[in-house]
Full PDB file with SEQRES, HELIX, SHEET, SSBOND, CRYST1, ORIGX, SCALE, CONECT and MASTER records, all heavy atoms in Angstrom:
SEQRES   1 A   37  ASP GLU VAL PHE GLY ARG VAL PHE SER VAL LEU GLY GLU          
SEQRES   2 A   37  ALA LEU SER SER ALA GLU SER PRO SER ARG VAL SER GLU          
SEQRES   3 A   37  GLN THR TRP ARG GLU ALA LEU SER GLU ARG PRO                  
HELIX    1 AA1 PHE A    4  SER A   17  1                                  14    
HELIX    2 AA2 GLU A   26  GLU A   35  1                                  10    
CRYST1    1.000    1.000    1.000  90.00  90.00  90.00 P 1           1          
ORIGX1      1.000000  0.000000  0.000000        0.00000                         
ORIGX2      0.000000  1.000000  0.000000        0.00000                         
ORIGX3      0.000000  0.000000  1.000000        0.00000                         
SCALE1      1.000000  0.000000  0.000000        0.00000                         
SCALE2      0.000000  1.000000  0.000000        0.00000                         
SCALE3      0.000000  0.000000  1.000000        0.00000                         
ATOM      1  N   ASP A   1      20.185 152.314 -23.744  1.00  0.00           N  
ATOM      2  CA  ASP A   1      19.669 153.367 -24.614  1.00  0.00           C  
ATOM      3  C   ASP A   1      20.335 154.704 -24.327  1.00  0.00           C  
ATOM      4  O   ASP A   1      20.618 155.488 -25.242  1.00  0.00           O  
ATOM      5  CB  ASP A   1      18.153 153.513 -24.422  1.00  0.00           C  
ATOM      6  CG  ASP A   1      17.367 152.417 -25.110  1.00  0.00           C  
ATOM      7  OD1 ASP A   1      17.987 151.582 -25.795  1.00  0.00           O  
ATOM      8  OD2 ASP A   1      16.135 152.385 -24.957  1.00  0.00           O  
ATOM      9  N   GLU A   2      20.578 154.973 -23.057  1.00  0.00           N  
ATOM     10  CA  GLU A   2      21.177 156.249 -22.683  1.00  0.00           C  
ATOM     11  C   GLU A   2      22.587 156.371 -23.261  1.00  0.00           C  
ATOM     12  O   GLU A   2      22.951 157.393 -23.852  1.00  0.00           O  
ATOM     13  CB  GLU A   2      21.227 156.374 -21.158  1.00  0.00           C  
ATOM     14  CG  GLU A   2      21.767 157.712 -20.668  1.00  0.00           C  
ATOM     15  CD  GLU A   2      21.834 157.807 -19.162  1.00  0.00           C  
ATOM     16  OE1 GLU A   2      21.378 156.861 -18.494  1.00  0.00           O  
ATOM     17  OE2 GLU A   2      22.360 158.813 -18.655  1.00  0.00           O  
ATOM     18  N   VAL A   3      23.370 155.309 -23.123  1.00  0.00           N  
ATOM     19  CA  VAL A   3      24.731 155.350 -23.651  1.00  0.00           C  
ATOM     20  C   VAL A   3      24.717 155.348 -25.178  1.00  0.00           C  
ATOM     21  O   VAL A   3      25.430 156.117 -25.827  1.00  0.00           O  
ATOM     22  CB  VAL A   3      25.541 154.162 -23.107  1.00  0.00           C  
ATOM     23  CG1 VAL A   3      26.951 154.162 -23.709  1.00  0.00           C  
ATOM     24  CG2 VAL A   3      25.631 154.220 -21.588  1.00  0.00           C  
ATOM     25  N   PHE A   4      23.888 154.488 -25.771  1.00  0.00           N  
ATOM     26  CA  PHE A   4      23.825 154.408 -27.230  1.00  0.00           C  
ATOM     27  C   PHE A   4      23.373 155.737 -27.830  1.00  0.00           C  
ATOM     28  O   PHE A   4      23.848 156.146 -28.896  1.00  0.00           O  
ATOM     29  CB  PHE A   4      22.874 153.291 -27.646  1.00  0.00           C  
ATOM     30  CG  PHE A   4      22.825 153.035 -29.128  1.00  0.00           C  
ATOM     31  CD1 PHE A   4      23.991 152.827 -29.845  1.00  0.00           C  
ATOM     32  CD2 PHE A   4      21.621 152.995 -29.808  1.00  0.00           C  
ATOM     33  CE1 PHE A   4      23.955 152.575 -31.215  1.00  0.00           C  
ATOM     34  CE2 PHE A   4      21.568 152.750 -31.166  1.00  0.00           C  
ATOM     35  CZ  PHE A   4      22.740 152.540 -31.872  1.00  0.00           C  
ATOM     36  N   GLY A   5      22.462 156.426 -27.138  1.00  0.00           N  
ATOM     37  CA  GLY A   5      21.991 157.713 -27.621  1.00  0.00           C  
ATOM     38  C   GLY A   5      23.084 158.752 -27.697  1.00  0.00           C  
ATOM     39  O   GLY A   5      22.967 159.741 -28.426  1.00  0.00           O  
ATOM     40  N   ARG A   6      24.190 158.535 -26.982  1.00  0.00           N  
ATOM     41  CA  ARG A   6      25.290 159.493 -26.972  1.00  0.00           C  
ATOM     42  C   ARG A   6      26.423 159.116 -27.920  1.00  0.00           C  
ATOM     43  O   ARG A   6      27.299 159.927 -28.172  1.00  0.00           O  
ATOM     44  CB  ARG A   6      25.831 159.633 -25.538  1.00  0.00           C  
ATOM     45  CG  ARG A   6      24.805 160.233 -24.614  1.00  0.00           C  
ATOM     46  CD  ARG A   6      25.250 160.174 -23.158  1.00  0.00           C  
ATOM     47  NE  ARG A   6      24.169 160.676 -22.337  1.00  0.00           N  
ATOM     48  CZ  ARG A   6      23.934 161.971 -22.111  1.00  0.00           C  
ATOM     49  NH1 ARG A   6      24.724 162.880 -22.635  1.00  0.00           N  
ATOM     50  NH2 ARG A   6      22.913 162.351 -21.371  1.00  0.00           N  
ATOM     51  N   VAL A   7      26.417 157.872 -28.396  1.00  0.00           N  
ATOM     52  CA  VAL A   7      27.550 157.448 -29.221  1.00  0.00           C  
ATOM     53  C   VAL A   7      27.143 156.883 -30.577  1.00  0.00           C  
ATOM     54  O   VAL A   7      28.013 156.609 -31.408  1.00  0.00           O  
ATOM     55  CB  VAL A   7      28.405 156.391 -28.471  1.00  0.00           C  
ATOM     56  CG1 VAL A   7      29.005 156.977 -27.211  1.00  0.00           C  
ATOM     57  CG2 VAL A   7      27.569 155.153 -28.142  1.00  0.00           C  
ATOM     58  N   PHE A   8      25.815 156.698 -30.822  1.00  0.00           N  
ATOM     59  CA  PHE A   8      25.446 156.027 -32.062  1.00  0.00           C  
ATOM     60  C   PHE A   8      25.763 156.878 -33.295  1.00  0.00           C  
ATOM     61  O   PHE A   8      26.033 156.342 -34.374  1.00  0.00           O  
ATOM     62  CB  PHE A   8      23.970 155.617 -32.064  1.00  0.00           C  
ATOM     63  CG  PHE A   8      22.999 156.698 -32.454  1.00  0.00           C  
ATOM     64  CD1 PHE A   8      22.589 156.851 -33.765  1.00  0.00           C  
ATOM     65  CD2 PHE A   8      22.488 157.558 -31.491  1.00  0.00           C  
ATOM     66  CE1 PHE A   8      21.693 157.844 -34.124  1.00  0.00           C  
ATOM     67  CE2 PHE A   8      21.593 158.534 -31.834  1.00  0.00           C  
ATOM     68  CZ  PHE A   8      21.191 158.686 -33.163  1.00  0.00           C  
ATOM     69  N   SER A   9      25.756 158.215 -33.163  1.00  0.00           N  
ATOM     70  CA  SER A   9      26.028 159.046 -34.335  1.00  0.00           C  
ATOM     71  C   SER A   9      27.468 158.904 -34.801  1.00  0.00           C  
ATOM     72  O   SER A   9      27.752 159.002 -35.999  1.00  0.00           O  
ATOM     73  CB  SER A   9      25.701 160.515 -34.048  1.00  0.00           C  
ATOM     74  OG  SER A   9      26.564 161.038 -33.067  1.00  0.00           O  
ATOM     75  N   VAL A  10      28.399 158.641 -33.877  1.00  0.00           N  
ATOM     76  CA  VAL A  10      29.785 158.455 -34.296  1.00  0.00           C  
ATOM     77  C   VAL A  10      29.931 157.114 -35.004  1.00  0.00           C  
ATOM     78  O   VAL A  10      30.764 156.961 -35.912  1.00  0.00           O  
ATOM     79  CB  VAL A  10      30.753 158.574 -33.097  1.00  0.00           C  
ATOM     80  CG1 VAL A  10      30.685 157.376 -32.176  1.00  0.00           C  
ATOM     81  CG2 VAL A  10      32.188 158.781 -33.577  1.00  0.00           C  
ATOM     82  N   LEU A  11      29.094 156.127 -34.642  1.00  0.00           N  
ATOM     83  CA  LEU A  11      29.088 154.872 -35.395  1.00  0.00           C  
ATOM     84  C   LEU A  11      28.545 155.102 -36.796  1.00  0.00           C  
ATOM     85  O   LEU A  11      29.117 154.602 -37.781  1.00  0.00           O  
ATOM     86  CB  LEU A  11      28.233 153.832 -34.666  1.00  0.00           C  
ATOM     87  CG  LEU A  11      28.009 152.513 -35.425  1.00  0.00           C  
ATOM     88  CD1 LEU A  11      29.340 151.813 -35.699  1.00  0.00           C  
ATOM     89  CD2 LEU A  11      27.064 151.596 -34.642  1.00  0.00           C  
ATOM     90  N   GLY A  12      27.450 155.855 -36.907  1.00  0.00           N  
ATOM     91  CA  GLY A  12      26.915 156.170 -38.225  1.00  0.00           C  
ATOM     92  C   GLY A  12      27.909 156.923 -39.081  1.00  0.00           C  
ATOM     93  O   GLY A  12      28.060 156.657 -40.281  1.00  0.00           O  
ATOM     94  N   GLU A  13      28.633 157.856 -38.465  1.00  0.00           N  
ATOM     95  CA  GLU A  13      29.641 158.629 -39.203  1.00  0.00           C  
ATOM     96  C   GLU A  13      30.790 157.739 -39.654  1.00  0.00           C  
ATOM     97  O   GLU A  13      31.304 157.868 -40.770  1.00  0.00           O  
ATOM     98  CB  GLU A  13      30.163 159.757 -38.308  1.00  0.00           C  
ATOM     99  CG  GLU A  13      31.080 160.736 -39.012  1.00  0.00           C  
ATOM    100  CD  GLU A  13      31.514 161.875 -38.111  1.00  0.00           C  
ATOM    101  OE1 GLU A  13      31.221 161.823 -36.893  1.00  0.00           O  
ATOM    102  OE2 GLU A  13      32.136 162.813 -38.628  1.00  0.00           O  
ATOM    103  N   ALA A  14      31.173 156.790 -38.797  1.00  0.00           N  
ATOM    104  CA  ALA A  14      32.246 155.870 -39.157  1.00  0.00           C  
ATOM    105  C   ALA A  14      31.826 154.961 -40.307  1.00  0.00           C  
ATOM    106  O   ALA A  14      32.608 154.713 -41.235  1.00  0.00           O  
ATOM    107  CB  ALA A  14      32.647 155.037 -37.938  1.00  0.00           C  
ATOM    108  N   LEU A  15      30.593 154.461 -40.265  1.00  0.00           N  
ATOM    109  CA  LEU A  15      30.096 153.623 -41.351  1.00  0.00           C  
ATOM    110  C   LEU A  15      30.013 154.420 -42.656  1.00  0.00           C  
ATOM    111  O   LEU A  15      30.312 153.899 -43.734  1.00  0.00           O  
ATOM    112  CB  LEU A  15      28.726 153.053 -40.987  1.00  0.00           C  
ATOM    113  CG  LEU A  15      28.703 151.961 -39.909  1.00  0.00           C  
ATOM    114  CD1 LEU A  15      27.291 151.762 -39.377  1.00  0.00           C  
ATOM    115  CD2 LEU A  15      29.259 150.653 -40.450  1.00  0.00           C  
ATOM    116  N   SER A  16      29.611 155.671 -42.549  1.00  0.00           N  
ATOM    117  CA  SER A  16      29.482 156.511 -43.752  1.00  0.00           C  
ATOM    118  C   SER A  16      30.819 156.741 -44.435  1.00  0.00           C  
ATOM    119  O   SER A  16      30.909 156.778 -45.667  1.00  0.00           O  
ATOM    120  CB  SER A  16      28.857 157.867 -43.386  1.00  0.00           C  
ATOM    121  OG  SER A  16      27.542 157.717 -42.913  1.00  0.00           O  
ATOM    122  N   SER A  17      31.875 156.915 -43.641  1.00  0.00           N  
ATOM    123  CA  SER A  17      33.178 157.262 -44.212  1.00  0.00           C  
ATOM    124  C   SER A  17      34.120 156.070 -44.306  1.00  0.00           C  
ATOM    125  O   SER A  17      35.278 156.233 -44.691  1.00  0.00           O  
ATOM    126  CB  SER A  17      33.839 158.362 -43.362  1.00  0.00           C  
ATOM    127  OG  SER A  17      34.165 157.872 -42.071  1.00  0.00           O  
ATOM    128  N   ALA A  18      33.638 154.876 -43.944  1.00  0.00           N  
ATOM    129  CA  ALA A  18      34.519 153.705 -43.906  1.00  0.00           C  
ATOM    130  C   ALA A  18      35.136 153.412 -45.270  1.00  0.00           C  
ATOM    131  O   ALA A  18      34.468 153.464 -46.302  1.00  0.00           O  
ATOM    132  CB  ALA A  18      33.744 152.486 -43.411  1.00  0.00           C  
ATOM    133  N   GLU A  19      36.419 153.098 -45.258  1.00  0.00           N  
ATOM    134  CA  GLU A  19      37.115 152.689 -46.472  1.00  0.00           C  
ATOM    135  C   GLU A  19      36.925 151.192 -46.698  1.00  0.00           C  
ATOM    136  O   GLU A  19      36.335 150.501 -45.865  1.00  0.00           O  
ATOM    137  CB  GLU A  19      38.608 153.028 -46.317  1.00  0.00           C  
ATOM    138  CG  GLU A  19      38.869 154.510 -46.065  1.00  0.00           C  
ATOM    139  CD  GLU A  19      40.296 154.774 -45.611  1.00  0.00           C  
ATOM    140  OE1 GLU A  19      41.061 153.791 -45.458  1.00  0.00           O  
ATOM    141  OE2 GLU A  19      40.634 155.955 -45.392  1.00  0.00           O  
ATOM    142  N   SER A  20      37.403 150.690 -47.804  1.00  0.00           N  
ATOM    143  CA  SER A  20      37.278 149.264 -48.095  1.00  0.00           C  
ATOM    144  C   SER A  20      37.937 148.454 -46.976  1.00  0.00           C  
ATOM    145  O   SER A  20      39.044 148.795 -46.522  1.00  0.00           O  
ATOM    146  CB  SER A  20      37.926 148.923 -49.431  1.00  0.00           C  
ATOM    147  OG  SER A  20      37.242 149.577 -50.483  1.00  0.00           O  
ATOM    148  N   PRO A  21      37.296 147.389 -46.541  1.00  0.00           N  
ATOM    149  CA  PRO A  21      37.828 146.629 -45.409  1.00  0.00           C  
ATOM    150  C   PRO A  21      39.045 145.793 -45.784  1.00  0.00           C  
ATOM    151  O   PRO A  21      39.186 145.333 -46.921  1.00  0.00           O  
ATOM    152  CB  PRO A  21      36.652 145.730 -45.019  1.00  0.00           C  
ATOM    153  CG  PRO A  21      35.863 145.562 -46.277  1.00  0.00           C  
ATOM    154  CD  PRO A  21      36.003 146.860 -47.008  1.00  0.00           C  
ATOM    155  N   SER A  22      39.912 145.600 -44.820  1.00  0.00           N  
ATOM    156  CA  SER A  22      41.033 144.678 -44.964  1.00  0.00           C  
ATOM    157  C   SER A  22      40.998 143.695 -43.805  1.00  0.00           C  
ATOM    158  O   SER A  22      40.634 144.055 -42.677  1.00  0.00           O  
ATOM    159  CB  SER A  22      42.364 145.439 -44.969  1.00  0.00           C  
ATOM    160  OG  SER A  22      42.518 146.184 -43.774  1.00  0.00           O  
ATOM    161  N   ARG A  23      41.338 142.458 -44.083  1.00  0.00           N  
ATOM    162  CA  ARG A  23      41.283 141.433 -43.047  1.00  0.00           C  
ATOM    163  C   ARG A  23      42.405 141.644 -42.035  1.00  0.00           C  
ATOM    164  O   ARG A  23      43.543 141.958 -42.399  1.00  0.00           O  
ATOM    165  CB  ARG A  23      41.386 140.051 -43.682  1.00  0.00           C  
ATOM    166  CG  ARG A  23      41.169 138.905 -42.699  1.00  0.00           C  
ATOM    167  CD  ARG A  23      41.160 137.556 -43.412  1.00  0.00           C  
ATOM    168  NE  ARG A  23      40.031 137.458 -44.322  1.00  0.00           N  
ATOM    169  CZ  ARG A  23      39.720 136.349 -44.987  1.00  0.00           C  
ATOM    170  NH1 ARG A  23      40.462 135.259 -44.843  1.00  0.00           N  
ATOM    171  NH2 ARG A  23      38.684 136.341 -45.807  1.00  0.00           N  
ATOM    172  N   VAL A  24      42.077 141.465 -40.753  1.00  0.00           N  
ATOM    173  CA  VAL A  24      43.061 141.556 -39.682  1.00  0.00           C  
ATOM    174  C   VAL A  24      42.974 140.303 -38.831  1.00  0.00           C  
ATOM    175  O   VAL A  24      41.999 139.548 -38.908  1.00  0.00           O  
ATOM    176  CB  VAL A  24      42.838 142.813 -38.805  1.00  0.00           C  
ATOM    177  CG1 VAL A  24      43.021 144.088 -39.607  1.00  0.00           C  
ATOM    178  CG2 VAL A  24      41.464 142.789 -38.150  1.00  0.00           C  
ATOM    179  N   SER A  25      43.971 140.096 -38.025  1.00  0.00           N  
ATOM    180  CA  SER A  25      43.993 138.913 -37.170  1.00  0.00           C  
ATOM    181  C   SER A  25      43.060 139.101 -35.981  1.00  0.00           C  
ATOM    182  O   SER A  25      42.709 140.230 -35.607  1.00  0.00           O  
ATOM    183  CB  SER A  25      45.411 138.662 -36.662  1.00  0.00           C  
ATOM    184  OG  SER A  25      45.814 139.697 -35.775  1.00  0.00           O  
ATOM    185  N   GLU A  26      42.681 137.985 -35.376  1.00  0.00           N  
ATOM    186  CA  GLU A  26      41.865 138.079 -34.173  1.00  0.00           C  
ATOM    187  C   GLU A  26      42.642 138.756 -33.050  1.00  0.00           C  
ATOM    188  O   GLU A  26      42.051 139.450 -32.213  1.00  0.00           O  
ATOM    189  CB  GLU A  26      41.403 136.690 -33.727  1.00  0.00           C  
ATOM    190  CG  GLU A  26      40.458 136.729 -32.528  1.00  0.00           C  
ATOM    191  CD  GLU A  26      39.859 135.388 -32.182  1.00  0.00           C  
ATOM    192  OE1 GLU A  26      40.151 134.400 -32.882  1.00  0.00           O  
ATOM    193  OE2 GLU A  26      39.083 135.330 -31.210  1.00  0.00           O  
ATOM    194  N   GLN A  27      43.950 138.593 -33.040  1.00  0.00           N  
ATOM    195  CA  GLN A  27      44.755 139.254 -32.022  1.00  0.00           C  
ATOM    196  C   GLN A  27      44.682 140.769 -32.172  1.00  0.00           C  
ATOM    197  O   GLN A  27      44.617 141.492 -31.172  1.00  0.00           O  
ATOM    198  CB  GLN A  27      46.207 138.789 -32.121  1.00  0.00           C  
ATOM    199  CG  GLN A  27      47.125 139.358 -31.049  1.00  0.00           C  
ATOM    200  CD  GLN A  27      46.709 138.947 -29.648  1.00  0.00           C  
ATOM    201  OE1 GLN A  27      46.152 137.870 -29.451  1.00  0.00           O  
ATOM    202  NE2 GLN A  27      46.976 139.803 -28.668  1.00  0.00           N  
ATOM    203  N   THR A  28      44.677 141.262 -33.414  1.00  0.00           N  
ATOM    204  CA  THR A  28      44.530 142.703 -33.642  1.00  0.00           C  
ATOM    205  C   THR A  28      43.182 143.188 -33.135  1.00  0.00           C  
ATOM    206  O   THR A  28      43.079 144.244 -32.495  1.00  0.00           O  
ATOM    207  CB  THR A  28      44.677 143.018 -35.139  1.00  0.00           C  
ATOM    208  OG1 THR A  28      45.979 142.641 -35.573  1.00  0.00           O  
ATOM    209  CG2 THR A  28      44.462 144.502 -35.412  1.00  0.00           C  
ATOM    210  N   TRP A  29      42.123 142.437 -33.435  1.00  0.00           N  
ATOM    211  CA  TRP A  29      40.784 142.760 -32.933  1.00  0.00           C  
ATOM    212  C   TRP A  29      40.784 142.792 -31.415  1.00  0.00           C  
ATOM    213  O   TRP A  29      40.246 143.707 -30.796  1.00  0.00           O  
ATOM    214  CB  TRP A  29      39.802 141.731 -33.482  1.00  0.00           C  
ATOM    215  CG  TRP A  29      38.535 141.554 -32.707  1.00  0.00           C  
ATOM    216  CD1 TRP A  29      38.322 140.685 -31.673  1.00  0.00           C  
ATOM    217  CD2 TRP A  29      37.291 142.256 -32.881  1.00  0.00           C  
ATOM    218  NE1 TRP A  29      37.041 140.787 -31.206  1.00  0.00           N  
ATOM    219  CE2 TRP A  29      36.384 141.739 -31.926  1.00  0.00           C  
ATOM    220  CE3 TRP A  29      36.862 143.242 -33.757  1.00  0.00           C  
ATOM    221  CZ2 TRP A  29      35.068 142.198 -31.820  1.00  0.00           C  
ATOM    222  CZ3 TRP A  29      35.548 143.702 -33.647  1.00  0.00           C  
ATOM    223  CH2 TRP A  29      34.666 143.189 -32.696  1.00  0.00           C  
ATOM    224  N   ARG A  30      41.380 141.787 -30.807  1.00  0.00           N  
ATOM    225  CA  ARG A  30      41.370 141.683 -29.347  1.00  0.00           C  
ATOM    226  C   ARG A  30      42.136 142.837 -28.702  1.00  0.00           C  
ATOM    227  O   ARG A  30      41.700 143.398 -27.684  1.00  0.00           O  
ATOM    228  CB  ARG A  30      41.958 140.331 -28.933  1.00  0.00           C  
ATOM    229  CG  ARG A  30      41.845 140.037 -27.462  1.00  0.00           C  
ATOM    230  CD  ARG A  30      42.278 138.610 -27.149  1.00  0.00           C  
ATOM    231  NE  ARG A  30      41.360 137.624 -27.723  1.00  0.00           N  
ATOM    232  CZ  ARG A  30      41.395 136.318 -27.430  1.00  0.00           C  
ATOM    233  NH1 ARG A  30      42.296 135.861 -26.575  1.00  0.00           N  
ATOM    234  NH2 ARG A  30      40.533 135.491 -27.999  1.00  0.00           N  
ATOM    235  N   GLU A  31      43.272 143.187 -29.277  1.00  0.00           N  
ATOM    236  CA  GLU A  31      44.036 144.315 -28.733  1.00  0.00           C  
ATOM    237  C   GLU A  31      43.268 145.625 -28.867  1.00  0.00           C  
ATOM    238  O   GLU A  31      43.280 146.458 -27.953  1.00  0.00           O  
ATOM    239  CB  GLU A  31      45.385 144.407 -29.451  1.00  0.00           C  
ATOM    240  CG  GLU A  31      46.337 143.272 -29.107  1.00  0.00           C  
ATOM    241  CD  GLU A  31      47.607 143.308 -29.937  1.00  0.00           C  
ATOM    242  OE1 GLU A  31      47.706 144.179 -30.843  1.00  0.00           O  
ATOM    243  OE2 GLU A  31      48.509 142.479 -29.682  1.00  0.00           O  
ATOM    244  N   ALA A  32      42.615 145.816 -30.012  1.00  0.00           N  
ATOM    245  CA  ALA A  32      41.823 147.039 -30.189  1.00  0.00           C  
ATOM    246  C   ALA A  32      40.673 147.082 -29.201  1.00  0.00           C  
ATOM    247  O   ALA A  32      40.305 148.148 -28.695  1.00  0.00           O  
ATOM    248  CB  ALA A  32      41.296 147.107 -31.624  1.00  0.00           C  
ATOM    249  N   LEU A  33      40.111 145.922 -28.896  1.00  0.00           N  
ATOM    250  CA  LEU A  33      38.977 145.838 -27.983  1.00  0.00           C  
ATOM    251  C   LEU A  33      39.370 146.164 -26.550  1.00  0.00           C  
ATOM    252  O   LEU A  33      38.614 146.823 -25.825  1.00  0.00           O  
ATOM    253  CB  LEU A  33      38.381 144.428 -28.059  1.00  0.00           C  
ATOM    254  CG  LEU A  33      37.019 144.179 -27.421  1.00  0.00           C  
ATOM    255  CD1 LEU A  33      35.939 144.966 -28.139  1.00  0.00           C  
ATOM    256  CD2 LEU A  33      36.693 142.686 -27.464  1.00  0.00           C  
ATOM    257  N   SER A  34      40.549 145.729 -26.138  1.00  0.00           N  
ATOM    258  CA  SER A  34      40.924 145.833 -24.730  1.00  0.00           C  
ATOM    259  C   SER A  34      42.013 146.856 -24.433  1.00  0.00           C  
ATOM    260  O   SER A  34      42.185 147.247 -23.274  1.00  0.00           O  
ATOM    261  CB  SER A  34      41.393 144.466 -24.218  1.00  0.00           C  
ATOM    262  OG  SER A  34      42.504 144.004 -24.963  1.00  0.00           O  
ATOM    263  N   GLU A  35      42.747 147.292 -25.469  1.00  0.00           N  
ATOM    264  CA  GLU A  35      43.906 148.148 -25.213  1.00  0.00           C  
ATOM    265  C   GLU A  35      43.853 149.482 -25.930  1.00  0.00           C  
ATOM    266  O   GLU A  35      44.850 150.210 -25.950  1.00  0.00           O  
ATOM    267  CB  GLU A  35      45.191 147.404 -25.618  1.00  0.00           C  
ATOM    268  CG  GLU A  35      45.398 146.103 -24.880  1.00  0.00           C  
ATOM    269  CD  GLU A  35      46.613 145.330 -25.371  1.00  0.00           C  
ATOM    270  OE1 GLU A  35      47.446 145.950 -26.069  1.00  0.00           O  
ATOM    271  OE2 GLU A  35      46.727 144.138 -25.061  1.00  0.00           O  
ATOM    272  N   ARG A  36      42.722 149.812 -26.530  1.00  0.00           N  
ATOM    273  CA  ARG A  36      42.581 151.078 -27.242  1.00  0.00           C  
ATOM    274  C   ARG A  36      41.308 151.798 -26.807  1.00  0.00           C  
ATOM    275  O   ARG A  36      40.297 151.148 -26.525  1.00  0.00           O  
ATOM    276  CB  ARG A  36      42.524 150.849 -28.758  1.00  0.00           C  
ATOM    277  CG  ARG A  36      43.750 150.196 -29.354  1.00  0.00           C  
ATOM    278  CD  ARG A  36      44.945 151.124 -29.312  1.00  0.00           C  
ATOM    279  NE  ARG A  36      46.129 150.511 -29.916  1.00  0.00           N  
ATOM    280  CZ  ARG A  36      47.330 151.060 -29.892  1.00  0.00           C  
ATOM    281  NH1 ARG A  36      47.497 152.241 -29.303  1.00  0.00           N  
ATOM    282  NH2 ARG A  36      48.360 150.452 -30.447  1.00  0.00           N  
ATOM    283  N   PRO A  37      41.339 153.127 -26.755  1.00  0.00           N  
ATOM    284  CA  PRO A  37      40.090 153.852 -26.487  1.00  0.00           C  
ATOM    285  C   PRO A  37      39.128 153.682 -27.650  1.00  0.00           C  
ATOM    286  O   PRO A  37      39.530 153.690 -28.821  1.00  0.00           O  
ATOM    287  CB  PRO A  37      40.551 155.308 -26.335  1.00  0.00           C  
ATOM    288  CG  PRO A  37      41.863 155.374 -27.029  1.00  0.00           C  
ATOM    289  CD  PRO A  37      42.496 154.032 -26.892  1.00  0.00           C  
TER     290      PRO A  37                                                      
MASTER        0    0    0    2    0    0    0    6  289    1    0    3          
END                                                                             
């Protein structure tokens, strides 16, 4: 809760401004998960 309370608004902002989704590979997802801030 403590961490989520500090970052959930940026998730809400991202959802609000999100553009139409495009499909990406699982490798792209994995790299974003482990190799990107």
